[in-house]
Amino acid sequence: MYIMSNHNGINSDEVVKNIIKFKKLANEPINKNETKEQLVNEYLNLCKFYPVSFGSNQASSPEQGKIEALTEFLQYVKNNVGNLKELIKNGGLITKVNNSFMEREPMIGFSDDDLKNVEKIKGHFDKNPKNNLKTYSTYGGIKKLQ
């Protein structure tokens, strides 16, 4: 709804243009009869959303909910990277991806404007030596690697 109504400076035409660009890069078929709404919905269905405090009792202390959501999301990414690597290795995927993709794990970024959330997330995930999460503070409107 926010995208389609150009809420707060969102440009739905630009979003659609980037979705089409994404589909071309991924060698996905582009249906010229798809409406703007269909393209946006198709893209959003690929996205993962984890509402941490909405409709729960975690609103006063969302840190643990964010840790759980990030843990689940990191596992989702890891599984999909594994699937992609298998497709590439077996020749089942035509790709423009550099071979270095096969040799390393993707980096994931997390940002929050609440310093307490940033500290808890960083403290939790930095305990793992194979951590592939970069944590950023956006406190005060400035993005800063923690």
N, C-alpha and C. Protein backbone atom coordinates (compact mmCIF):
# COMPACT_ATOMS: atom_id res chain seq x y z
N MET A 1 0.83 -1.17 0.00
CA MET A 1 0.00 0.00 0.00
C MET A 1 0.89 1.26 0.00
N TYR A 2 1.95 1.25 0.84
CA TYR A 2 2.85 2.40 0.87
C TYR A 2 3.52 2.62 -0.47
N ILE A 3 3.95 1.52 -1.10
CA ILE A 3 4.62 1.64 -2.39
C ILE A 3 3.67 2.19 -3.44
N MET A 4 2.50 1.62 -3.53
CA MET A 4 1.56 2.00 -4.58
C MET A 4 1.04 3.43 -4.40
N SER A 5 1.01 3.92 -3.15
CA SER A 5 0.51 5.28 -2.91
C SER A 5 1.65 6.31 -2.87
N ASN A 6 2.87 5.87 -3.18
CA ASN A 6 4.04 6.75 -3.16
C ASN A 6 4.20 7.45 -1.80
N HIS A 7 3.95 6.70 -0.76
CA HIS A 7 4.00 7.20 0.62
C HIS A 7 5.38 7.71 1.00
N ASN A 8 5.43 8.87 1.61
CA ASN A 8 6.66 9.44 2.17
C ASN A 8 7.83 9.46 1.18
N GLY A 9 7.54 9.80 -0.05
CA GLY A 9 8.61 9.92 -1.04
C GLY A 9 8.95 8.66 -1.79
N ILE A 10 8.27 7.55 -1.51
CA ILE A 10 8.49 6.33 -2.29
C ILE A 10 8.00 6.60 -3.70
N ASN A 11 8.74 6.17 -4.68
CA ASN A 11 8.36 6.36 -6.07
C ASN A 11 8.03 4.98 -6.65
N SER A 12 6.75 4.68 -6.79
CA SER A 12 6.33 3.34 -7.24
C SER A 12 6.85 3.03 -8.64
N ASP A 13 6.97 4.03 -9.50
CA ASP A 13 7.52 3.80 -10.84
C ASP A 13 8.97 3.35 -10.75
N GLU A 14 9.72 3.97 -9.86
CA GLU A 14 11.14 3.60 -9.66
C GLU A 14 11.24 2.19 -9.07
N VAL A 15 10.35 1.86 -8.13
CA VAL A 15 10.34 0.52 -7.54
C VAL A 15 10.10 -0.52 -8.63
N VAL A 16 9.10 -0.29 -9.47
CA VAL A 16 8.77 -1.22 -10.55
C VAL A 16 9.94 -1.34 -11.53
N LYS A 17 10.54 -0.22 -11.86
CA LYS A 17 11.70 -0.23 -12.75
C LYS A 17 12.81 -1.12 -12.18
N ASN A 18 13.05 -1.03 -10.87
CA ASN A 18 14.08 -1.85 -10.22
C ASN A 18 13.68 -3.31 -10.12
N ILE A 19 12.40 -3.59 -9.96
CA ILE A 19 11.93 -4.98 -9.94
C ILE A 19 12.18 -5.62 -11.31
N ILE A 20 11.89 -4.89 -12.36
CA ILE A 20 12.13 -5.41 -13.72
C ILE A 20 13.62 -5.63 -13.94
N LYS A 21 14.43 -4.69 -13.47
CA LYS A 21 15.89 -4.83 -13.57
C LYS A 21 16.35 -6.08 -12.81
N PHE A 22 15.82 -6.29 -11.62
CA PHE A 22 16.12 -7.47 -10.81
C PHE A 22 15.76 -8.75 -11.56
N LYS A 23 14.57 -8.76 -12.16
CA LYS A 23 14.12 -9.95 -12.89
C LYS A 23 15.03 -10.24 -14.08
N LYS A 24 15.46 -9.20 -14.76
CA LYS A 24 16.38 -9.39 -15.91
C LYS A 24 17.70 -9.98 -15.44
N LEU A 25 18.25 -9.44 -14.35
CA LEU A 25 19.51 -9.95 -13.82
C LEU A 25 19.40 -11.40 -13.37
N ALA A 26 18.22 -11.78 -12.90
CA ALA A 26 17.99 -13.14 -12.42
C ALA A 26 17.50 -14.06 -13.54
N ASN A 27 17.50 -13.56 -14.77
CA ASN A 27 17.02 -14.33 -15.92
C ASN A 27 15.59 -14.83 -15.72
N GLU A 28 14.78 -14.03 -15.03
CA GLU A 28 13.37 -14.35 -14.81
C GLU A 28 12.55 -13.83 -15.99
N PRO A 29 11.52 -14.58 -16.37
CA PRO A 29 10.67 -14.08 -17.46
C PRO A 29 9.93 -12.81 -17.04
N ILE A 30 9.77 -11.90 -17.99
CA ILE A 30 9.06 -10.65 -17.73
C ILE A 30 7.78 -10.66 -18.55
N ASN A 31 6.66 -10.60 -17.85
CA ASN A 31 5.36 -10.59 -18.48
C ASN A 31 4.94 -9.13 -18.66
N LYS A 32 4.90 -8.68 -19.90
CA LYS A 32 4.58 -7.27 -20.18
C LYS A 32 3.14 -6.91 -19.82
N ASN A 33 2.30 -7.93 -19.58
CA ASN A 33 0.90 -7.68 -19.21
C ASN A 33 0.71 -7.54 -17.70
N GLU A 34 1.77 -7.79 -16.92
CA GLU A 34 1.64 -7.66 -15.47
C GLU A 34 1.47 -6.19 -15.10
N THR A 35 0.56 -5.96 -14.18
CA THR A 35 0.34 -4.59 -13.71
C THR A 35 1.43 -4.22 -12.69
N LYS A 36 1.49 -2.95 -12.40
CA LYS A 36 2.43 -2.46 -11.39
C LYS A 36 2.18 -3.18 -10.06
N GLU A 37 0.91 -3.31 -9.69
CA GLU A 37 0.55 -3.97 -8.43
C GLU A 37 1.00 -5.42 -8.42
N GLN A 38 0.82 -6.12 -9.54
CA GLN A 38 1.23 -7.53 -9.61
C GLN A 38 2.74 -7.68 -9.46
N LEU A 39 3.49 -6.80 -10.11
CA LEU A 39 4.95 -6.85 -10.00
C LEU A 39 5.40 -6.60 -8.56
N VAL A 40 4.82 -5.59 -7.93
CA VAL A 40 5.19 -5.27 -6.55
C VAL A 40 4.82 -6.42 -5.62
N ASN A 41 3.63 -6.99 -5.78
CA ASN A 41 3.21 -8.11 -4.93
C ASN A 41 4.09 -9.33 -5.14
N GLU A 42 4.44 -9.62 -6.38
CA GLU A 42 5.32 -10.74 -6.68
C GLU A 42 6.67 -10.56 -5.98
N TYR A 43 7.20 -9.35 -6.06
CA TYR A 43 8.48 -9.07 -5.40
C TYR A 43 8.35 -9.18 -3.87
N LEU A 44 7.31 -8.58 -3.30
CA LEU A 44 7.15 -8.61 -1.85
C LEU A 44 6.95 -10.03 -1.33
N ASN A 45 6.38 -10.91 -2.15
CA ASN A 45 6.23 -12.30 -1.75
C ASN A 45 7.57 -13.02 -1.63
N LEU A 46 8.60 -12.48 -2.26
CA LEU A 46 9.95 -13.04 -2.12
C LEU A 46 10.65 -12.55 -0.86
N CYS A 47 10.14 -11.47 -0.29
CA CYS A 47 10.77 -10.85 0.87
C CYS A 47 10.33 -11.53 2.16
N LYS A 48 11.18 -11.42 3.16
CA LYS A 48 10.88 -11.95 4.48
C LYS A 48 10.63 -10.77 5.42
N PHE A 49 9.54 -10.83 6.17
CA PHE A 49 9.21 -9.79 7.13
C PHE A 49 9.04 -10.44 8.50
N TYR A 50 9.62 -9.84 9.50
CA TYR A 50 9.57 -10.37 10.85
C TYR A 50 9.08 -9.28 11.81
N PRO A 51 7.77 -9.11 11.94
CA PRO A 51 7.28 -8.08 12.87
C PRO A 51 7.55 -8.53 14.30
N VAL A 52 8.47 -7.87 14.95
CA VAL A 52 8.94 -8.32 16.26
C VAL A 52 8.00 -7.93 17.38
N SER A 53 7.54 -6.70 17.40
CA SER A 53 6.73 -6.28 18.53
C SER A 53 5.27 -6.05 18.18
N PHE A 54 4.92 -6.09 16.90
CA PHE A 54 3.53 -5.87 16.50
C PHE A 54 2.66 -7.04 16.96
N GLY A 55 1.64 -6.77 17.72
CA GLY A 55 0.69 -7.80 18.14
C GLY A 55 1.25 -8.78 19.15
N SER A 56 2.33 -8.44 19.83
CA SER A 56 2.89 -9.35 20.83
C SER A 56 3.16 -8.58 22.11
N ASN A 57 3.62 -9.32 23.09
CA ASN A 57 3.95 -8.66 24.36
C ASN A 57 5.41 -8.25 24.40
N GLN A 58 6.11 -8.25 23.26
CA GLN A 58 7.53 -7.89 23.22
C GLN A 58 7.75 -6.40 22.95
N ALA A 59 6.70 -5.62 22.87
CA ALA A 59 6.85 -4.21 22.52
C ALA A 59 7.73 -3.46 23.51
N SER A 60 7.68 -3.82 24.79
CA SER A 60 8.48 -3.10 25.78
C SER A 60 9.93 -3.58 25.80
N SER A 61 10.22 -4.78 25.29
CA SER A 61 11.58 -5.31 25.26
C SER A 61 11.75 -6.17 24.01
N PRO A 62 11.95 -5.55 22.86
CA PRO A 62 11.98 -6.30 21.60
C PRO A 62 13.31 -6.98 21.28
N GLU A 63 14.33 -6.80 22.11
CA GLU A 63 15.66 -7.31 21.77
C GLU A 63 15.66 -8.81 21.50
N GLN A 64 15.04 -9.60 22.38
CA GLN A 64 15.03 -11.06 22.21
C GLN A 64 14.25 -11.45 20.96
N GLY A 65 13.17 -10.76 20.68
CA GLY A 65 12.40 -11.03 19.46
C GLY A 65 13.23 -10.75 18.22
N LYS A 66 14.04 -9.71 18.27
CA LYS A 66 14.90 -9.38 17.13
C LYS A 66 16.01 -10.43 16.97
N ILE A 67 16.54 -10.91 18.07
CA ILE A 67 17.55 -11.98 18.00
C ILE A 67 16.95 -13.22 17.37
N GLU A 68 15.76 -13.60 17.80
CA GLU A 68 15.09 -14.78 17.24
C GLU A 68 14.78 -14.59 15.75
N ALA A 69 14.29 -13.41 15.38
CA ALA A 69 13.97 -13.14 13.98
C ALA A 69 15.23 -13.17 13.12
N LEU A 70 16.31 -12.57 13.60
CA LEU A 70 17.57 -12.58 12.84
C LEU A 70 18.16 -13.98 12.73
N THR A 71 18.05 -14.76 13.79
CA THR A 71 18.53 -16.15 13.75
C THR A 71 17.78 -16.92 12.67
N GLU A 72 16.47 -16.76 12.64
CA GLU A 72 15.65 -17.44 11.62
C GLU A 72 16.00 -16.95 10.22
N PHE A 73 16.16 -15.63 10.07
CA PHE A 73 16.48 -15.08 8.76
C PHE A 73 17.86 -15.54 8.28
N LEU A 74 18.85 -15.55 9.17
CA LEU A 74 20.18 -16.01 8.79
C LEU A 74 20.16 -17.46 8.33
N GLN A 75 19.34 -18.29 8.98
CA GLN A 75 19.21 -19.68 8.56
C GLN A 75 18.54 -19.77 7.19
N TYR A 76 17.54 -18.94 6.97
CA TYR A 76 16.87 -18.87 5.67
C TYR A 76 17.86 -18.51 4.56
N VAL A 77 18.69 -17.50 4.81
CA VAL A 77 19.69 -17.09 3.82
C VAL A 77 20.68 -18.20 3.58
N LYS A 78 21.16 -18.81 4.66
CA LYS A 78 22.15 -19.90 4.55
C LYS A 78 21.58 -21.05 3.71
N ASN A 79 20.33 -21.42 3.95
CA ASN A 79 19.70 -22.49 3.17
C ASN A 79 19.61 -22.12 1.70
N ASN A 80 19.21 -20.88 1.42
CA ASN A 80 19.08 -20.46 0.03
C ASN A 80 20.42 -20.35 -0.67
N VAL A 81 21.45 -19.91 0.04
CA VAL A 81 22.79 -19.87 -0.54
C VAL A 81 23.24 -21.28 -0.88
N GLY A 82 22.98 -22.21 0.02
CA GLY A 82 23.33 -23.61 -0.24
C GLY A 82 22.62 -24.15 -1.47
N ASN A 83 21.35 -23.82 -1.61
CA ASN A 83 20.58 -24.26 -2.78
C ASN A 83 21.13 -23.65 -4.06
N LEU A 84 21.47 -22.36 -4.02
CA LEU A 84 22.03 -21.69 -5.19
C LEU A 84 23.39 -22.29 -5.58
N LYS A 85 24.21 -22.56 -4.58
CA LYS A 85 25.52 -23.14 -4.86
C LYS A 85 25.37 -24.51 -5.52
N GLU A 86 24.40 -25.29 -5.07
CA GLU A 86 24.15 -26.60 -5.68
C GLU A 86 23.71 -26.44 -7.13
N LEU A 87 22.80 -25.51 -7.38
CA LEU A 87 22.35 -25.28 -8.76
C LEU A 87 23.50 -24.86 -9.66
N ILE A 88 24.34 -23.96 -9.16
CA ILE A 88 25.48 -23.49 -9.95
C ILE A 88 26.45 -24.63 -10.20
N LYS A 89 26.76 -25.37 -9.14
CA LYS A 89 27.73 -26.46 -9.24
C LYS A 89 27.26 -27.54 -10.23
N ASN A 90 25.98 -27.80 -10.23
CA ASN A 90 25.43 -28.84 -11.11
C ASN A 90 25.05 -28.32 -12.48
N GLY A 91 25.36 -27.07 -12.76
CA GLY A 91 25.09 -26.51 -14.09
C GLY A 91 23.63 -26.22 -14.35
N GLY A 92 22.81 -26.22 -13.30
CA GLY A 92 21.38 -25.99 -13.48
C GLY A 92 20.97 -24.54 -13.40
N LEU A 93 21.94 -23.64 -13.33
CA LEU A 93 21.62 -22.24 -13.22
C LEU A 93 22.61 -21.43 -14.04
N ILE A 94 22.07 -20.67 -14.98
CA ILE A 94 22.91 -19.75 -15.74
C ILE A 94 23.05 -18.52 -14.87
N THR A 95 24.28 -18.13 -14.60
CA THR A 95 24.48 -17.02 -13.68
C THR A 95 25.60 -16.09 -14.13
N LYS A 96 25.47 -14.84 -13.74
CA LYS A 96 26.52 -13.86 -13.96
C LYS A 96 27.31 -13.63 -12.67
N VAL A 97 27.02 -14.46 -11.67
CA VAL A 97 27.64 -14.30 -10.37
C VAL A 97 29.11 -14.71 -10.46
N ASN A 98 29.97 -13.90 -9.89
CA ASN A 98 31.39 -14.18 -9.85
C ASN A 98 31.64 -15.48 -9.08
N ASN A 99 32.64 -16.23 -9.47
CA ASN A 99 32.95 -17.50 -8.81
C ASN A 99 33.26 -17.34 -7.33
N SER A 100 33.63 -16.16 -6.89
CA SER A 100 33.92 -15.96 -5.47
C SER A 100 32.68 -16.21 -4.61
N PHE A 101 31.50 -16.14 -5.21
CA PHE A 101 30.25 -16.44 -4.51
C PHE A 101 30.29 -17.86 -3.96
N MET A 102 30.93 -18.75 -4.70
CA MET A 102 30.98 -20.15 -4.30
C MET A 102 31.90 -20.37 -3.10
N GLU A 103 32.80 -19.44 -2.84
CA GLU A 103 33.83 -19.64 -1.82
C GLU A 103 33.53 -18.98 -0.49
N ARG A 104 32.50 -18.17 -0.39
CA ARG A 104 32.26 -17.47 0.88
C ARG A 104 30.77 -17.35 1.15
N GLU A 105 30.47 -17.03 2.38
CA GLU A 105 29.09 -16.82 2.81
C GLU A 105 28.72 -15.35 2.59
N PRO A 106 27.46 -15.07 2.33
CA PRO A 106 27.06 -13.67 2.15
C PRO A 106 27.09 -12.93 3.48
N MET A 107 27.31 -11.63 3.41
CA MET A 107 27.23 -10.79 4.60
C MET A 107 25.80 -10.25 4.70
N ILE A 108 25.30 -10.21 5.91
CA ILE A 108 23.95 -9.71 6.17
C ILE A 108 24.10 -8.47 7.05
N GLY A 109 23.31 -7.44 6.76
CA GLY A 109 23.35 -6.23 7.56
C GLY A 109 22.11 -6.08 8.41
N PHE A 110 22.29 -5.63 9.64
CA PHE A 110 21.19 -5.31 10.54
C PHE A 110 21.41 -3.88 11.03
N SER A 111 20.36 -3.07 10.96
CA SER A 111 20.48 -1.71 11.48
C SER A 111 19.27 -1.39 12.36
N ASP A 112 19.51 -0.53 13.33
CA ASP A 112 18.45 -0.12 14.25
C ASP A 112 18.82 1.25 14.80
N ASP A 113 17.82 2.05 15.10
CA ASP A 113 18.09 3.36 15.67
C ASP A 113 18.06 3.34 17.19
N ASP A 114 17.76 2.19 17.77
CA ASP A 114 17.75 2.04 19.22
C ASP A 114 19.07 1.39 19.64
N LEU A 115 19.89 2.14 20.35
CA LEU A 115 21.23 1.65 20.73
C LEU A 115 21.17 0.38 21.58
N LYS A 116 20.13 0.25 22.38
CA LYS A 116 19.98 -0.95 23.21
C LYS A 116 19.80 -2.19 22.32
N ASN A 117 18.97 -2.07 21.28
CA ASN A 117 18.79 -3.18 20.35
C ASN A 117 20.10 -3.52 19.65
N VAL A 118 20.81 -2.49 19.19
CA VAL A 118 22.07 -2.69 18.47
C VAL A 118 23.07 -3.43 19.36
N GLU A 119 23.21 -3.01 20.61
CA GLU A 119 24.15 -3.64 21.53
C GLU A 119 23.80 -5.10 21.79
N LYS A 120 22.51 -5.39 22.01
CA LYS A 120 22.08 -6.76 22.27
C LYS A 120 22.32 -7.66 21.05
N ILE A 121 21.96 -7.17 19.87
CA ILE A 121 22.14 -7.95 18.65
C ILE A 121 23.63 -8.21 18.42
N LYS A 122 24.44 -7.18 18.49
CA LYS A 122 25.88 -7.32 18.27
C LYS A 122 26.48 -8.29 19.30
N GLY A 123 26.13 -8.10 20.55
CA GLY A 123 26.64 -8.97 21.61
C GLY A 123 26.28 -10.43 21.40
N HIS A 124 25.06 -10.67 20.95
CA HIS A 124 24.61 -12.05 20.74
C HIS A 124 25.32 -12.70 19.55
N PHE A 125 25.33 -12.02 18.42
CA PHE A 125 25.85 -12.65 17.20
C PHE A 125 27.37 -12.63 17.11
N ASP A 126 28.03 -11.70 17.77
CA ASP A 126 29.49 -11.66 17.73
C ASP A 126 30.12 -12.80 18.52
N LYS A 127 29.34 -13.52 19.32
CA LYS A 127 29.86 -14.68 20.05
C LYS A 127 30.20 -15.83 19.10
N ASN A 128 29.57 -15.84 17.93
CA ASN A 128 29.78 -16.91 16.95
C ASN A 128 30.95 -16.54 16.05
N PRO A 129 32.01 -17.35 16.01
CA PRO A 129 33.16 -17.01 15.16
C PRO A 129 32.82 -17.02 13.66
N LYS A 130 31.75 -17.67 13.27
CA LYS A 130 31.34 -17.70 11.86
C LYS A 130 30.24 -16.68 11.58
N ASN A 131 30.16 -15.67 12.44
CA ASN A 131 29.14 -14.64 12.30
C ASN A 131 29.29 -13.91 10.96
N ASN A 132 28.21 -13.83 10.20
CA ASN A 132 28.24 -13.08 8.94
C ASN A 132 27.22 -11.93 8.99
N LEU A 133 27.03 -11.38 10.19
CA LEU A 133 26.10 -10.27 10.39
C LEU A 133 26.89 -9.01 10.74
N LYS A 134 26.68 -7.96 9.96
CA LYS A 134 27.26 -6.66 10.27
C LYS A 134 26.16 -5.84 10.94
N THR A 135 26.49 -5.24 12.05
CA THR A 135 25.51 -4.50 12.83
C THR A 135 25.79 -3.00 12.73
N TYR A 136 24.74 -2.24 12.44
CA TYR A 136 24.85 -0.80 12.27
C TYR A 136 23.88 -0.09 13.21
N SER A 137 24.33 1.05 13.70
CA SER A 137 23.45 1.94 14.43
C SER A 137 23.00 3.03 13.47
N THR A 138 21.72 3.35 13.50
CA THR A 138 21.21 4.48 12.73
C THR A 138 20.69 5.57 13.68
N TYR A 139 21.17 5.51 14.92
CA TYR A 139 20.79 6.49 15.93
C TYR A 139 21.15 7.90 15.44
N GLY A 140 20.22 8.81 15.57
CA GLY A 140 20.44 10.20 15.16
C GLY A 140 20.46 10.39 13.65
N GLY A 141 19.99 9.38 12.94
CA GLY A 141 19.92 9.51 11.47
C GLY A 141 21.24 9.26 10.76
N ILE A 142 22.24 8.76 11.50
CA ILE A 142 23.54 8.49 10.89
C ILE A 142 23.84 6.99 10.99
N LYS A 143 24.09 6.36 9.84
CA LYS A 143 24.41 4.93 9.80
C LYS A 143 25.87 4.73 10.15
N LYS A 144 26.13 3.92 11.19
CA LYS A 144 27.49 3.72 11.68
C LYS A 144 27.70 2.24 12.00
N LEU A 145 28.74 1.65 11.42
CA LEU A 145 29.08 0.26 11.70
C LEU A 145 29.49 0.14 13.16
N GLN A 146 28.95 -0.84 13.84
CA GLN A 146 29.26 -1.05 15.26
C GLN A 146 30.31 -2.13 15.43
